[in-house]
Amino acid sequence: MKIALFGKHSQQSFVPQLLEFFRLIEEKQIELLIEADFYDYLKAILPQPPKADDFILGDCFQADFALSLGGDGTLLNTARRVGGQAIPIVGINTGRLGYLSASDGHDLPQLLDDLLQGNYEIEQRARLCLSSETIKFDYPLALNEIAITRRDVAAMLHIHASVNGEYLNDYQADGLILSTATGSTAYSLSVGGPILMPDNRSIILSPIAPHTLSMRPIVLGADAYVDLSVESRSKQYLVSLDGHSLSLPSDTRLRVRLADTPVLLVRRKDQSFVHTLRTKMMWGKDLRSEV
């Protein structure tokens, strides 16, 4: 088995688990690739550096699994590095929420055994693809969401939206979030968007602070494509793909659709989406019963 390791540079409290993790990898003769910058960080915080078979410098690598050591943001960045390759991603949470993670970081020996023995399932998570006739984006894919937001905080945006070539709405708002089912529990949820099961291949449109109460979120089908044009007093606006932002001139037209290739996420067989929803999101929890 070959694994590629990516991580966040804040693992000081996780050193004992990391040492045991790397010992087990060597003991089980697992081939280990480590992202080069993360390896330099590990050398600085560990009493002895891990034994790596190779280093990942760019986005072209081959592995059976990509391990993401951090929180949900680290996993989103790992998905960017994996790109369109069919490499399953294993989230190991050493951050705060770790909503997308397969492990909380304290059961790494069992996690490695599960991977070696095939005791896991792979979920196909739909992601979004952004395109424009005038701009070529370096990385046009997003697992959670694509957000259109203001560059000038003093004025709202006027976003013209059509679906499959038919006029949908003019959004007068601080912005618009286009979300996947995976992203339905992220930014979109915070502005009143619905929660979707992760295997749902839909696009959610959720306005940010709309100027009218009648402007509500809408869920589109898997084959939908959304065309957007933006009017802004500052003549610019921001487009953000999973938190990576780019400033665009207001005459830039955008198209958003589901990408051709999904992100593959590893899920342990004892995990479920609804259990995670209840335990990590506290979904449906009535705090009055605890007073």
Foldseek 3Di string as FASTA:
>chain_A
DEEEEDEDLPCLVLAVLVVVLLVVCVVVVYAYEYAVVVQVSQPVRYPHGRDHPYYDDALDDDGQAYEYEEAPLSVQVVCQSVAQPQHAYAYAYPYPQRLQHQHVSPPSVVVVVCVVVVQWDKDFFWWKAKDFPVDDDPGGIARFKKKKFAPDPVAWKFKWKDKPPHGDDTWGARIKIKGGLVNQPPPQVVQPGDHDFRNAQWIKIAGHGTPDPVDGIDIGHQAMKMKMAMDDPVQWIWIAGSRRIDIDGRRIMMMMHIDPGTHMYIHRPVDDSVVSCCPRVVPPPDCVVVD
